Protein backbone atom coordinates (compact mmCIF):
# COMPACT_ATOMS: atom_id res chain seq x y z
CA MET A 1 -6.23 6.97 13.99
CA SER A 2 -7.74 4.74 11.34
CA LYS A 3 -8.12 1.04 11.94
CA LEU A 4 -6.14 -1.26 9.64
CA ASN A 5 -8.20 -3.54 7.45
CA GLN A 6 -6.58 -7.02 7.42
CA ILE A 7 -7.35 -8.88 4.17
CA THR A 8 -6.27 -12.38 3.10
CA LYS A 9 -6.00 -13.17 -0.62
CA THR A 10 -4.61 -15.92 -2.84
CA ARG A 11 -2.80 -13.40 -5.05
CA PHE A 12 -1.09 -10.00 -4.99
CA ILE A 13 -3.58 -7.28 -5.90
CA LEU A 14 -3.61 -3.52 -6.25
CA SER A 15 -7.09 -2.20 -6.94
CA ASN A 16 -8.96 1.08 -7.20
CA SER A 17 -11.68 -0.45 -5.02
CA LEU A 18 -9.25 -0.97 -2.12
CA LEU A 19 -7.72 2.52 -2.16
CA GLY A 20 -8.20 4.43 1.07
CA GLN A 21 -9.33 1.37 3.06
CA ASN A 22 -6.07 1.07 5.07
CA ALA A 23 -5.76 -2.48 3.77
CA ILE A 24 -2.92 -4.70 4.92
CA ILE A 25 -3.04 -7.62 2.52
CA THR A 26 -1.54 -11.04 3.13
CA PHE A 27 -1.47 -13.56 0.32
CA THR A 28 -0.11 -17.06 -0.03
CA ASN A 29 0.87 -18.28 -3.49
CA LYS A 30 0.66 -21.82 -4.86
CA LYS A 31 4.18 -22.58 -3.56
CA GLY A 32 3.07 -21.77 -0.03
CA GLU A 33 5.05 -18.51 0.14
CA THR A 34 3.32 -15.80 2.16
CA PHE A 35 3.66 -12.07 1.50
CA THR A 36 2.20 -9.12 3.40
CA TYR A 37 2.02 -5.52 2.18
CA ASN A 38 0.28 -2.21 2.78
CA HIS A 39 -2.01 -1.73 -0.24
CA ASP A 40 -2.17 2.08 -0.17
CA GLN A 41 1.56 2.48 0.41
CA VAL A 42 2.52 0.16 -2.48
CA PHE A 43 -0.02 1.92 -4.72
CA ALA A 44 1.31 5.38 -3.79
CA ASN A 45 4.91 4.31 -4.43
CA ASN A 46 4.01 2.90 -7.87
CA GLN A 47 1.08 5.06 -8.96
CA THR A 48 2.68 6.28 -12.21
CA ARG A 49 3.57 2.71 -13.24
CA LEU A 50 0.14 1.33 -12.38
CA LEU A 51 -1.89 4.04 -14.07
CA SER A 52 -0.05 3.37 -17.34
CA MET A 53 -0.62 -0.42 -17.30
CA ASN A 54 -3.28 -1.72 -19.70
CA CYS A 55 -4.78 -4.00 -17.03
CA PHE A 56 -5.18 -1.11 -14.61
CA ILE A 57 -6.63 1.17 -17.27
CA LYS A 58 -9.12 -1.47 -18.44
CA TYR A 59 -10.02 -3.26 -15.17
CA GLY A 60 -8.89 -0.91 -12.39
CA ASN A 61 -6.56 -3.48 -10.84
CA TYR A 62 -3.28 -5.34 -11.15
CA THR A 63 -2.84 -8.91 -9.91
CA ASN A 64 -0.04 -11.44 -9.71
CA SER A 65 -0.75 -14.95 -8.39
CA ASN A 66 2.89 -16.05 -8.21
CA LYS A 67 4.81 -13.47 -6.21
CA LEU A 68 5.14 -9.97 -4.88
CA PRO A 69 6.47 -7.98 -7.89
CA ASN A 70 10.03 -6.65 -7.42
CA TRP A 71 8.78 -3.08 -7.85
CA ALA A 72 6.24 -3.58 -5.03
CA ALA A 73 8.75 -4.71 -2.41
């Protein structure tokens, strides 16, 4: 069984560089709200959406510093 990689961030992020790393990401926004998600699972559930976003095409990632997007919940 693979070990989970616990990561703390200041924003929600889905990134090509984190794929396959078994990352469980916890981020706290500026309002002090904390969110935790499984990076690979959220990516897999939204792969079609992400791969069509300009930010993902250009930079290989999607970020949101305010909240967990509704589609990622």
